[in-house]
Amino acid sequence: MPATWKRALSMLALAWAGNIALFASDWQAMFLQWWDSSTYNHVLLIPFILGWLISLRWKEVEKLVPQGWWPGLVLFAGAGFLWLLGDFAGLSLATQLGVVLMAQASVLTLLGPRVSAALLFPLAYMLFLVPAGDELIPALQTITARITMALLDLANVPAHIEGVFITTPGGYFEVAEACSGVKFLIAMIAYGALVANVCFASWSRRAAFMALSVAMPILANGVRAWGTIFIAEHRGIAFAAGFDHIFYGWIFFAVVMALVMALAWRFFDRGIDDRMVDAEAIAGNPLLAGLAALSIRPAGALVGMAALALVFTGWGAWANRMEAQVPARIDFPQIPGWRQIDYAPQAAWKPLHTGASHVLLGRFRDRSGHVVDVSFALYATQGDGHEAGGFGQGAIPLDSGWAWERSSPPVAGGQAERIQTAGPVHRLAETFYRSGNLFTGSNSHLKLQNILDRLLLREQTTAALILSSEDGIPGQPAADQSLRAFIDATGPLDAWMDRVASGR
C-alpha cells in the first residue's frame, strides 16, 4: 500500500475512534437496538457487508490519491449540529443519524472527493446502521388492516373493522405493532438497496427493483394477516396463532424474498466481472477535479473535526445540566361543578410519561354524568429519557393493549385521537403540551420549542395534559361532550395547566 494511503487510513481510523469515544452513548444505544430488537437484527451484518462492498472496489480505489478536503469540515459541522439538535430534542434517531453522518463526513474530509466518489455506495449504505423505521408502525398497521379486509371480502368472510381491530364470526383480532410487518420491510429495503447496486447497472431497473422490494413485503404482510384470520375461522384462534408463528414467522417471508429474487433474476444487467467503479474516469472527471482543488492538510482537517466535535459535545453537556425548578408537590385544583372520584375504568388505561418529575392521573365526574380521565405530567427538563412527546409516550404506550383507531376532531385545539382495546372499549383522548408561552397539541411544535430553549440555554418546564373519556357506554354522555363540559369548567386550558404546574 502506498505511504499516502497508509497515512490517510491511519488518520481516518483515528477520526472514527474519536467519534466512537466522544459519542459512545449513541453508538452503544444503536448496538443494543441491533442486538436486542428483532426489527434491527439484520443491521449486525451491515458492517461486514460494508467491508465486502469496499473490497469489491478496492483495486480501483487504491489507484486514486487521497487528500484532505476542507468542505468536508462544513458537512461534518452540519452533522454535528444535527446531533446537537437531536440531543436537545431527546430524539435518538437524530443523534444516531448525526454520529453516522459525522463518520461519513470524516471520509470526505480526510480522503477527498475523488476517493469518496469511488466509495459513494458503501458510504451511503452506512445510513442503514441507523435503527430507523419504528415510526412507520402505525401507518403499516393501518395498511395491513385494509389489505386484510379486502382479502376477507374476496374470501366471503364477514368482517367489521374499527381502526386496526377486525371482528369476524371467528373472533376479535388486532393488527398489533408486532404484526405491522415493519421488521421485514426494513430488512427488505436494506437488502433491496444492496442487490440494486451489485446486480444492476441500469438506474431504471434499480428503481424498479427497489419499488418491488418495498411493495412485496407490505402486500405479503397483508396476506399473512388475512391468512391468520381465515385459518382462525375454520380451525380456531389457538391453531391460527401457532400456525402464524411457525409458518409465517419462519417460512412465508423467506418464500417472499426468494420470489422477489426470482422475478428480478432475468433482469440483472451487471456482469460478474464488471468493475464497480472506474478509477480512470473518476480521476479525469472535471467536476471532481474542481472540487479537489479545495484541499487542506489532512492533519489540519483532523484537528478541525476534533475541535468541532468538542464544541458540540460541550454545548450539549452544558444544556443537559439545566433543569427548571418544579414544586415539591402538585395536585389537581378544584374544578367548579366537578368532583374527583375513584379511578375505575372499564379497561386499564395509564398514559406513559417517562422521566416526568410529577405525574397525576385522576377521574372526574359532574352532576350531568360526564366522566373525564385526566393525566398530567410535569417535566423539569426535556432530553433523552425525558420526552413529553417521545415515541411510545402519552395516550397509547407501546404494548399497552391500546391501539390507535382514528384521528378525531379536536375539542379544544389539541391532538385528538380515538383509541381502542379488547372488549372492545373505546376512548377519546386529546393531548396538550405547555412549555413557556407555547400551548399546543402538536408534538412537532413542542420539539421545536424545546430545541430553541436548549440552544439559548433557557430553563423551562414542560407539561403534558391528556383529557380522555370512555366512549359508547350506555347511559353515559358521548366522550366529546364530556371533554367539552370539562374544558368549559376549567376555563382556558393553558392557564389551568400553569396552575397545576405551579402547585397552587
Protein backbone atom coordinates (compact mmCIF):
# COMPACT_ATOMS: atom_id res chain seq x y z
CA MET A 1 0.00 0.00 0.00
CA PRO A 2 1.40 3.46 -0.90
CA ALA A 3 2.57 5.59 2.01
CA THR A 4 -0.04 8.24 1.21
CA TRP A 5 -2.78 5.66 1.70
CA LYS A 6 -1.27 4.40 4.95
CA ARG A 7 -1.21 7.92 6.41
CA ALA A 8 -4.73 8.69 5.18
CA LEU A 9 -6.24 5.49 6.54
CA SER A 10 -4.44 5.94 9.86
CA MET A 11 -5.98 9.40 10.24
CA LEU A 12 -9.41 8.08 9.23
CA ALA A 13 -9.12 5.32 11.82
CA LEU A 14 -8.17 7.94 14.42
CA ALA A 15 -11.17 10.11 13.44
CA TRP A 16 -13.59 7.18 13.69
CA ALA A 17 -12.11 6.11 17.03
CA GLY A 18 -12.63 9.64 18.32
CA ASN A 19 -16.21 9.60 17.01
CA ILE A 20 -16.95 6.38 18.89
CA ALA A 21 -15.27 7.65 22.06
CA LEU A 22 -16.99 11.06 22.16
CA PHE A 23 -20.40 9.72 21.16
CA ALA A 24 -20.12 6.35 22.89
CA SER A 25 -23.62 6.51 24.36
CA ASP A 26 -25.17 6.89 20.88
CA TRP A 27 -23.14 4.04 19.40
CA GLN A 28 -23.97 1.87 22.41
CA ALA A 29 -27.69 2.65 22.05
CA MET A 30 -27.52 1.70 18.37
CA PHE A 31 -25.70 -1.56 19.09
CA LEU A 32 -28.21 -2.53 21.76
CA GLN A 33 -31.02 -1.98 19.29
CA TRP A 34 -29.23 -4.11 16.70
CA TRP A 35 -28.69 -6.84 19.28
CA ASP A 36 -31.94 -6.78 21.27
CA SER A 37 -34.59 -5.73 18.76
CA SER A 38 -35.63 -8.30 16.17
CA THR A 39 -36.57 -5.37 13.91
CA TYR A 40 -32.89 -4.43 13.60
CA ASN A 41 -31.05 -7.74 14.00
CA HIS A 42 -30.12 -7.59 10.30
CA VAL A 43 -28.01 -4.46 10.98
CA LEU A 44 -25.43 -6.68 12.71
CA LEU A 45 -24.49 -7.87 9.21
CA ILE A 46 -24.09 -4.41 7.71
CA PRO A 47 -20.51 -3.75 8.95
CA PHE A 48 -19.45 -6.97 7.19
CA ILE A 49 -21.41 -6.00 4.07
CA LEU A 50 -19.64 -2.63 4.08
CA GLY A 51 -16.27 -4.37 4.23
CA TRP A 52 -17.27 -6.59 1.30
CA LEU A 53 -18.52 -3.61 -0.76
CA ILE A 54 -15.22 -1.79 -0.20
CA SER A 55 -13.25 -4.90 -1.15
CA LEU A 56 -15.12 -5.04 -4.49
CA ARG A 57 -13.91 -1.52 -5.24
CA TRP A 58 -10.50 -1.50 -3.59
CA LYS A 59 -8.31 -2.25 -6.63
CA GLU A 60 -9.74 0.80 -8.35
CA VAL A 61 -9.89 2.98 -5.23
CA GLU A 62 -6.22 2.36 -4.48
CA LYS A 63 -5.29 3.95 -7.83
CA LEU A 64 -6.63 7.30 -6.58
CA VAL A 65 -4.69 9.68 -4.34
CA PRO A 66 -6.33 10.55 -1.00
CA GLN A 67 -6.29 14.19 0.06
CA GLY A 68 -7.63 16.46 2.75
CA TRP A 69 -10.70 18.45 1.65
CA TRP A 70 -11.87 21.46 3.66
CA PRO A 71 -15.57 21.48 2.51
CA GLY A 72 -15.83 18.16 4.32
CA LEU A 73 -15.49 20.16 7.55
CA VAL A 74 -18.67 22.05 6.64
CA LEU A 75 -20.52 18.75 6.19
CA PHE A 76 -19.02 17.47 9.44
CA ALA A 77 -20.23 20.61 11.23
CA GLY A 78 -23.73 20.11 9.77
CA ALA A 79 -23.80 16.51 11.00
CA GLY A 80 -22.59 17.64 14.43
CA PHE A 81 -25.27 20.31 14.60
CA LEU A 82 -27.92 17.69 13.71
CA TRP A 83 -26.62 15.58 16.60
CA LEU A 84 -26.87 18.61 18.89
CA LEU A 85 -30.48 19.32 17.86
CA GLY A 86 -31.38 15.66 18.38
CA ASP A 87 -29.73 15.73 21.78
CA PHE A 88 -31.70 18.84 22.73
CA ALA A 89 -34.98 17.33 21.48
CA GLY A 90 -34.33 13.93 23.08
CA LEU A 91 -34.67 12.41 19.59
CA SER A 92 -32.37 9.39 19.39
CA LEU A 93 -32.98 8.99 15.67
CA ALA A 94 -31.41 12.42 15.06
CA THR A 95 -28.44 11.86 17.39
CA GLN A 96 -27.70 8.44 15.90
CA LEU A 97 -28.05 9.75 12.37
CA GLY A 98 -25.72 12.59 13.35
CA VAL A 99 -22.90 10.32 14.51
CA VAL A 100 -23.15 8.19 11.35
CA LEU A 101 -23.14 11.31 9.16
CA MET A 102 -20.05 12.54 11.02
CA ALA A 103 -18.34 9.23 10.24
CA GLN A 104 -19.25 9.66 6.57
CA ALA A 105 -18.10 13.30 6.56
CA SER A 106 -14.76 12.16 8.02
CA VAL A 107 -14.16 10.15 4.84
CA LEU A 108 -14.88 13.17 2.66
CA THR A 109 -12.65 15.39 4.81
CA LEU A 110 -9.64 13.07 5.03
CA LEU A 111 -9.79 11.15 1.73
CA GLY A 112 -11.18 13.82 -0.59
CA PRO A 113 -13.91 13.98 -3.25
CA ARG A 114 -12.38 11.54 -5.73
CA VAL A 115 -11.96 8.69 -3.25
CA SER A 116 -15.39 9.46 -1.76
CA ALA A 117 -16.93 9.28 -5.24
CA ALA A 118 -15.37 5.85 -5.72
CA LEU A 119 -16.76 4.76 -2.34
CA LEU A 120 -20.10 6.53 -2.79
CA PHE A 121 -22.37 3.49 -2.41
CA PRO A 122 -20.62 1.99 0.66
CA LEU A 123 -20.68 5.46 2.25
CA ALA A 124 -24.40 5.82 1.53
CA TYR A 125 -25.06 2.25 2.72
CA MET A 126 -23.68 3.25 6.14
CA LEU A 127 -27.02 5.01 6.72
CA PHE A 128 -28.57 1.59 7.28
CA LEU A 129 -26.57 1.44 10.53
CA VAL A 130 -29.14 3.87 11.96
CA PRO A 131 -32.01 1.87 13.51
CA ALA A 132 -34.93 3.72 11.91
CA GLY A 133 -38.38 2.52 10.96
CA ASP A 134 -40.43 2.10 14.14
CA GLU A 135 -42.09 5.38 13.21
CA LEU A 136 -43.75 3.53 10.30
CA ILE A 137 -45.59 1.11 12.59
CA PRO A 138 -48.95 2.99 12.85
CA ALA A 139 -49.17 3.53 9.09
CA LEU A 140 -48.20 -0.09 8.36
CA GLN A 141 -50.80 -1.34 10.85
CA THR A 142 -53.48 0.61 9.01
CA ILE A 143 -52.33 -0.58 5.57
CA THR A 144 -52.18 -4.20 6.75
CA ALA A 145 -55.69 -3.95 8.20
CA ARG A 146 -57.08 -2.56 4.94
CA ILE A 147 -55.40 -5.26 2.83
CA THR A 148 -56.75 -7.87 5.25
CA MET A 149 -60.30 -6.51 4.96
CA ALA A 150 -60.11 -6.53 1.15
CA LEU A 151 -58.96 -10.17 1.13
CA LEU A 152 -61.59 -11.20 3.69
CA ASP A 153 -64.22 -9.64 1.45
CA LEU A 154 -62.90 -11.62 -1.53
CA ALA A 155 -62.99 -14.78 0.60
CA ASN A 156 -66.62 -14.04 1.65
CA VAL A 157 -65.71 -13.82 5.33
CA PRO A 158 -67.99 -11.27 7.05
CA ALA A 159 -65.88 -8.77 8.95
CA HIS A 160 -66.11 -5.38 10.60
CA ILE A 161 -63.13 -3.03 11.04
CA GLU A 162 -62.51 -0.24 13.52
CA GLY A 163 -59.05 1.21 13.05
CA VAL A 164 -56.73 -1.80 13.38
CA PHE A 165 -59.31 -4.04 15.08
CA ILE A 166 -61.17 -6.58 12.99
CA THR A 167 -64.20 -8.52 14.20
CA THR A 168 -65.34 -11.71 12.41
CA PRO A 169 -67.63 -14.57 13.42
CA GLY A 170 -64.50 -16.43 14.47
CA GLY A 171 -63.10 -13.84 16.85
CA TYR A 172 -61.79 -10.38 17.58
CA PHE A 173 -58.40 -9.56 16.06
CA GLU A 174 -55.93 -6.71 16.36
CA VAL A 175 -53.27 -5.87 13.80
CA ALA A 176 -50.78 -5.20 16.59
CA GLU A 177 -47.41 -3.45 16.37
CA ALA A 178 -45.64 -6.81 16.02
CA CYS A 179 -47.93 -7.68 13.08
CA SER A 180 -47.34 -4.44 11.18
CA GLY A 181 -44.64 -6.02 9.02
CA VAL A 182 -42.11 -3.29 9.80
CA LYS A 183 -39.35 -5.82 10.57
CA PHE A 184 -39.47 -7.45 7.16
CA LEU A 185 -39.96 -4.15 5.33
CA ILE A 186 -36.86 -2.54 6.88
CA ALA A 187 -34.73 -5.61 6.20
CA MET A 188 -36.01 -5.83 2.62
CA ILE A 189 -35.21 -2.18 1.93
CA ALA A 190 -31.61 -2.72 3.08
CA TYR A 191 -31.39 -5.96 1.08
CA GLY A 192 -33.01 -4.37 -1.95
CA ALA A 193 -30.54 -1.47 -1.97
CA LEU A 194 -27.64 -3.93 -1.84
CA VAL A 195 -28.97 -6.07 -4.69
CA ALA A 196 -29.86 -2.99 -6.77
CA ASN A 197 -26.24 -1.80 -6.60
CA VAL A 198 -24.45 -5.11 -7.02
CA CYS A 199 -26.69 -6.78 -9.62
CA PHE A 200 -27.96 -3.88 -11.74
CA ALA A 201 -26.23 -1.23 -13.84
CA SER A 202 -29.36 0.44 -15.22
CA TRP A 203 -30.89 3.10 -12.93
CA SER A 204 -34.39 2.35 -14.19
CA ARG A 205 -34.01 -1.31 -13.29
CA ARG A 206 -32.58 -0.37 -9.89
CA ALA A 207 -35.60 1.85 -9.22
CA ALA A 208 -37.99 -0.90 -10.30
CA PHE A 209 -36.30 -3.43 -8.03
CA MET A 210 -36.43 -1.05 -5.07
CA ALA A 211 -40.14 -0.47 -5.70
CA LEU A 212 -40.66 -4.24 -5.74
CA SER A 213 -38.63 -4.60 -2.53
CA VAL A 214 -40.92 -2.10 -0.79
CA ALA A 215 -44.25 -3.28 -2.21
CA MET A 216 -43.81 -7.04 -1.80
CA PRO A 217 -43.27 -7.16 1.99
CA ILE A 218 -46.21 -4.81 2.57
CA LEU A 219 -48.54 -6.89 0.39
CA ALA A 220 -47.16 -10.13 1.82
CA ASN A 221 -47.82 -8.97 5.37
CA GLY A 222 -51.42 -8.22 4.43
CA VAL A 223 -51.72 -11.76 3.06
CA ARG A 224 -50.17 -13.08 6.27
CA ALA A 225 -52.72 -11.27 8.44
CA TRP A 226 -55.58 -12.40 6.22
CA GLY A 227 -54.33 -15.99 6.30
CA THR A 228 -54.21 -15.98 10.09
CA ILE A 229 -57.82 -14.75 10.36
CA PHE A 230 -59.02 -17.08 7.59
CA ILE A 231 -57.47 -20.10 9.33
CA ALA A 232 -58.96 -18.97 12.64
CA GLU A 233 -62.41 -19.00 11.04
CA HIS A 234 -62.04 -22.69 10.21
CA ARG A 235 -59.62 -24.12 12.79
CA GLY A 236 -59.89 -21.76 15.76
CA ILE A 237 -57.78 -18.90 17.07
CA ALA A 238 -55.32 -21.07 19.02
CA PHE A 239 -54.41 -23.13 15.94
CA ALA A 240 -54.14 -19.99 13.78
CA ALA A 241 -51.80 -18.32 16.27
CA GLY A 242 -49.46 -21.31 16.35
CA PHE A 243 -49.54 -21.65 12.58
CA ASP A 244 -48.77 -17.95 12.20
CA HIS A 245 -45.63 -18.15 14.34
CA ILE A 246 -44.31 -21.34 12.73
CA PHE A 247 -45.21 -20.98 9.05
CA TYR A 248 -45.47 -17.25 8.54
CA GLY A 249 -42.71 -16.42 11.01
CA TRP A 250 -40.09 -18.77 9.58
CA ILE A 251 -41.14 -19.82 6.08
CA PHE A 252 -43.52 -17.35 4.47
CA PHE A 253 -41.22 -14.33 4.29
CA ALA A 254 -38.30 -16.47 3.13
CA VAL A 255 -40.53 -17.56 0.26
CA VAL A 256 -41.42 -13.93 -0.45
CA MET A 257 -37.74 -12.94 -0.55
CA ALA A 258 -36.99 -15.83 -2.91
CA LEU A 259 -39.93 -14.76 -5.09
CA VAL A 260 -38.58 -11.19 -5.31
CA MET A 261 -35.19 -12.51 -6.43
CA ALA A 262 -36.81 -14.91 -8.91
CA LEU A 263 -38.82 -12.12 -10.50
CA ALA A 264 -35.74 -9.90 -10.81
CA TRP A 265 -33.17 -12.53 -11.81
CA ARG A 266 -33.65 -12.33 -15.58
CA PHE A 267 -33.28 -8.54 -15.47
CA PHE A 268 -29.85 -8.49 -13.79
CA ASP A 269 -27.61 -6.50 -16.16
CA ARG A 270 -24.27 -6.26 -14.35
CA GLY A 271 -21.70 -8.87 -15.30
CA ILE A 272 -19.99 -10.76 -12.51
CA ASP A 273 -16.60 -9.45 -13.65
CA ASP A 274 -17.69 -5.85 -14.28
CA ARG A 275 -15.80 -3.19 -12.36
CA MET A 276 -17.86 -1.50 -9.65
CA VAL A 277 -16.05 1.83 -10.23
CA ASP A 278 -13.69 3.24 -12.86
CA ALA A 279 -10.70 4.97 -11.28
CA GLU A 280 -9.56 6.49 -14.59
CA ALA A 281 -12.95 8.09 -15.21
CA ILE A 282 -13.08 9.44 -11.67
CA ALA A 283 -9.53 10.85 -11.88
CA GLY A 284 -10.36 12.59 -15.16
CA ASN A 285 -13.77 13.96 -14.15
CA PRO A 286 -13.61 17.79 -14.43
CA LEU A 287 -16.18 18.41 -11.67
CA LEU A 288 -14.28 16.25 -9.22
CA ALA A 289 -11.04 17.94 -10.31
CA GLY A 290 -12.53 21.32 -9.46
CA LEU A 291 -13.71 20.10 -6.08
CA ALA A 292 -10.34 18.51 -5.37
CA ALA A 293 -8.71 21.93 -5.68
CA LEU A 294 -10.31 22.87 -2.34
CA SER A 295 -7.70 20.94 -0.42
CA ILE A 296 -6.45 21.13 3.15
CA ARG A 297 -3.65 19.38 5.00
CA PRO A 298 -5.03 16.13 6.47
CA ALA A 299 -3.58 16.92 9.90
CA GLY A 300 -5.38 20.28 9.89
CA ALA A 301 -8.60 18.58 8.82
CA LEU A 302 -8.30 16.09 11.68
CA VAL A 303 -7.74 18.89 14.20
CA GLY A 304 -10.72 20.80 12.77
CA MET A 305 -13.05 17.83 13.17
CA ALA A 306 -11.85 17.24 16.71
CA ALA A 307 -12.49 20.89 17.61
CA LEU A 308 -15.99 20.83 16.11
CA ALA A 309 -16.89 17.60 17.89
CA LEU A 310 -15.72 19.01 21.22
CA VAL A 311 -17.74 22.21 20.70
CA PHE A 312 -20.95 20.26 20.05
CA THR A 313 -20.48 17.77 22.87
CA GLY A 314 -19.57 20.57 25.28
CA TRP A 315 -22.61 22.61 24.27
CA GLY A 316 -24.82 19.56 24.69
CA ALA A 317 -23.38 18.70 28.10
CA TRP A 318 -23.91 22.27 29.33
CA ALA A 319 -27.52 22.37 28.15
CA ASN A 320 -28.26 18.90 29.55
CA ARG A 321 -27.28 20.01 33.03
CA MET A 322 -30.02 22.63 33.03
CA GLU A 323 -33.25 21.80 34.85
CA ALA A 324 -36.08 24.16 35.66
CA GLN A 325 -37.34 24.29 39.22
CA VAL A 326 -40.55 22.37 39.88
CA PRO A 327 -42.72 22.35 43.01
CA ALA A 328 -42.16 19.61 45.56
CA ARG A 329 -45.78 18.55 45.10
CA ILE A 330 -48.59 19.19 42.63
CA ASP A 331 -52.30 18.38 42.82
CA PHE A 332 -55.40 18.81 40.71
CA PRO A 333 -57.18 22.02 41.72
CA GLN A 334 -60.88 22.14 42.50
CA ILE A 335 -62.99 22.34 39.34
CA PRO A 336 -66.39 24.07 39.66
CA GLY A 337 -69.21 21.56 39.31
CA TRP A 338 -66.89 18.54 39.19
CA ARG A 339 -65.61 16.16 41.84
CA GLN A 340 -62.79 13.66 41.75
CA ILE A 341 -63.95 10.03 42.05
CA ASP A 342 -62.25 6.65 42.23
CA TYR A 343 -60.34 5.81 39.09
CA ALA A 344 -62.10 2.65 37.83
CA PRO A 345 -62.02 2.47 34.02
CA GLN A 346 -63.70 -0.34 32.07
CA ALA A 347 -60.28 -1.37 30.78
CA ALA A 348 -56.96 -0.40 32.38
CA TRP A 349 -55.56 2.76 30.81
CA LYS A 350 -52.49 4.56 32.05
CA PRO A 351 -50.66 7.02 29.81
CA LEU A 352 -46.89 6.85 29.78
CA HIS A 353 -44.83 9.87 30.89
CA THR A 354 -41.28 8.54 31.24
CA GLY A 355 -38.89 10.85 33.09
CA ALA A 356 -41.53 13.28 34.37
CA SER A 357 -40.89 14.93 37.73
CA HIS A 358 -44.58 14.66 38.68
CA VAL A 359 -47.44 12.61 37.21
CA LEU A 360 -51.13 12.88 38.15
CA LEU A 361 -53.92 10.58 36.98
CA GLY A 362 -57.48 11.10 38.15
CA ARG A 363 -61.13 10.68 37.21
CA PHE A 364 -63.67 13.49 37.44
CA ARG A 365 -67.46 13.48 37.23
CA ASP A 366 -70.06 16.26 37.13
CA ARG A 367 -73.74 16.34 38.06
CA SER A 368 -74.80 15.65 34.48
CA GLY A 369 -72.94 12.32 34.38
CA HIS A 370 -69.99 13.47 32.29
CA VAL A 371 -66.86 11.47 33.20
CA VAL A 372 -63.35 12.56 32.21
CA ASP A 373 -59.98 10.97 32.99
CA VAL A 374 -57.15 13.47 33.38
CA SER A 375 -53.45 12.65 33.02
CA PHE A 376 -50.98 15.44 33.79
CA ALA A 377 -47.19 15.25 33.71
CA LEU A 378 -44.66 17.94 34.60
CA TYR A 379 -41.05 17.74 33.35
CA ALA A 380 -38.13 19.73 34.74
CA THR A 381 -36.21 19.15 31.51
CA GLN A 382 -36.56 17.61 28.07
CA GLY A 383 -33.96 15.20 26.76
CA ASP A 384 -33.19 11.53 26.31
CA GLY A 385 -35.50 9.63 28.68
CA HIS A 386 -37.47 12.80 29.48
CA GLU A 387 -39.51 13.36 26.33
CA ALA A 388 -43.09 14.53 26.76
CA GLY A 389 -43.80 13.78 23.11
CA GLY A 390 -41.38 10.89 22.62
CA PHE A 391 -42.16 7.75 20.64
CA GLY A 392 -44.46 5.47 22.64
CA GLN A 393 -45.20 8.21 25.20
CA GLY A 394 -48.62 9.61 26.02
CA ALA A 395 -52.06 8.14 25.50
CA ILE A 396 -51.01 4.98 23.61
CA PRO A 397 -47.94 3.38 25.21
CA LEU A 398 -46.39 0.57 23.19
CA ASP A 399 -47.50 -2.93 24.23
CA SER A 400 -50.22 -1.50 26.48
CA GLY A 401 -53.08 -3.27 24.72
CA TRP A 402 -54.39 0.05 23.43
CA ALA A 403 -54.10 0.96 19.77
CA TRP A 404 -54.86 3.94 17.59
CA GLU A 405 -58.25 3.70 15.88
CA ARG A 406 -58.58 7.03 14.07
CA SER A 407 -57.99 10.76 14.37
CA SER A 408 -60.88 12.80 15.75
CA PRO A 409 -61.84 16.47 15.50
CA PRO A 410 -60.17 18.26 18.43
CA VAL A 411 -62.43 19.62 21.15
CA ALA A 412 -60.03 22.38 22.25
CA GLY A 413 -57.23 22.53 19.69
CA GLY A 414 -55.20 19.58 20.95
CA GLN A 415 -54.19 16.32 19.28
CA ALA A 416 -57.37 14.24 19.42
CA GLU A 417 -57.49 10.53 18.64
CA ARG A 418 -59.88 7.67 19.20
CA ILE A 419 -58.19 4.61 20.69
CA GLN A 420 -59.40 1.08 21.37
CA THR A 421 -58.57 -2.02 23.35
CA ALA A 422 -60.03 -5.51 23.60
CA GLY A 423 -63.66 -5.68 24.58
CA PRO A 424 -63.91 -3.58 22.54
CA VAL A 425 -63.52 -0.49 24.74
CA HIS A 426 -63.21 2.90 23.05
CA ARG A 427 -61.71 6.13 24.30
CA LEU A 428 -61.40 9.66 23.01
CA ALA A 429 -58.10 11.21 24.12
CA GLU A 430 -56.94 14.75 23.45
CA THR A 431 -53.33 15.75 24.22
CA PHE A 432 -51.96 19.23 25.01
CA TYR A 433 -48.43 20.49 25.69
CA ARG A 434 -47.31 23.59 27.58
CA SER A 435 -43.75 24.95 27.60
CA GLY A 436 -43.01 28.59 28.34
CA ASN A 437 -45.53 30.59 26.33
CA LEU A 438 -46.24 27.68 23.98
CA PHE A 439 -49.61 25.93 24.22
CA THR A 440 -50.14 23.32 21.51
CA GLY A 441 -51.33 19.86 20.63
CA SER A 442 -48.52 19.42 18.13
CA ASN A 443 -45.57 17.27 19.11
CA SER A 444 -43.52 18.90 16.35
CA HIS A 445 -44.15 22.39 17.74
CA LEU A 446 -43.15 21.17 21.20
CA LYS A 447 -39.89 19.70 19.86
CA LEU A 448 -39.02 22.96 18.13
CA GLN A 449 -39.73 24.92 21.31
CA ASN A 450 -37.57 22.55 23.38
CA ILE A 451 -34.72 22.79 20.87
CA LEU A 452 -34.84 26.59 20.90
CA ASP A 453 -34.82 26.63 24.72
CA ARG A 454 -31.74 24.43 24.83
CA LEU A 455 -29.92 26.35 22.11
CA LEU A 456 -30.48 29.57 24.07
CA LEU A 457 -29.76 27.82 27.38
CA ARG A 458 -33.20 28.71 28.78
CA GLU A 459 -34.60 26.69 31.69
CA GLN A 460 -38.27 25.89 31.04
CA THR A 461 -40.64 23.32 32.46
CA THR A 462 -42.74 21.26 30.05
CA ALA A 463 -46.22 19.98 30.90
CA ALA A 464 -48.30 17.35 29.12
CA LEU A 465 -52.06 17.08 29.63
CA ILE A 466 -54.25 14.27 28.31
CA LEU A 467 -58.03 14.57 28.68
CA SER A 468 -59.82 11.33 27.92
CA SER A 469 -63.25 9.78 28.22
CA GLU A 470 -64.57 6.32 27.51
CA ASP A 471 -67.00 6.30 24.61
CA GLY A 472 -70.03 4.26 23.70
CA ILE A 473 -71.03 3.39 27.28
CA PRO A 474 -74.82 3.00 27.66
CA GLY A 475 -76.33 5.74 29.79
CA GLN A 476 -73.19 7.91 29.70
CA PRO A 477 -72.77 11.04 27.55
CA ALA A 478 -70.59 10.84 24.44
CA ALA A 479 -66.88 11.30 25.04
CA ASP A 480 -66.59 14.56 23.10
CA GLN A 481 -69.47 16.05 25.10
CA SER A 482 -67.77 15.08 28.35
CA LEU A 483 -64.47 16.64 27.29
CA ARG A 484 -66.21 19.83 26.21
CA ALA A 485 -68.06 20.09 29.52
CA PHE A 486 -64.82 19.60 31.46
CA ILE A 487 -62.96 22.25 29.45
CA ASP A 488 -65.84 24.71 29.90
CA ALA A 489 -65.50 24.25 33.67
CA THR A 490 -61.70 24.64 33.81
CA GLY A 491 -61.57 27.75 31.66
CA PRO A 492 -58.60 28.32 29.31
CA LEU A 493 -56.54 25.14 29.42
CA ASP A 494 -53.16 26.88 29.16
CA ALA A 495 -53.91 28.87 32.33
CA TRP A 496 -55.28 25.73 34.04
CA MET A 497 -52.11 23.78 33.16
CA ASP A 498 -49.98 26.61 34.55
CA ARG A 499 -52.00 26.47 37.76
CA VAL A 500 -51.46 22.72 38.14
CA ALA A 501 -47.74 23.03 37.34
CA SER A 502 -47.26 25.81 39.91
CA GLY A 503 -48.51 23.59 42.74
CA ARG A 504 -51.17 26.13 43.70
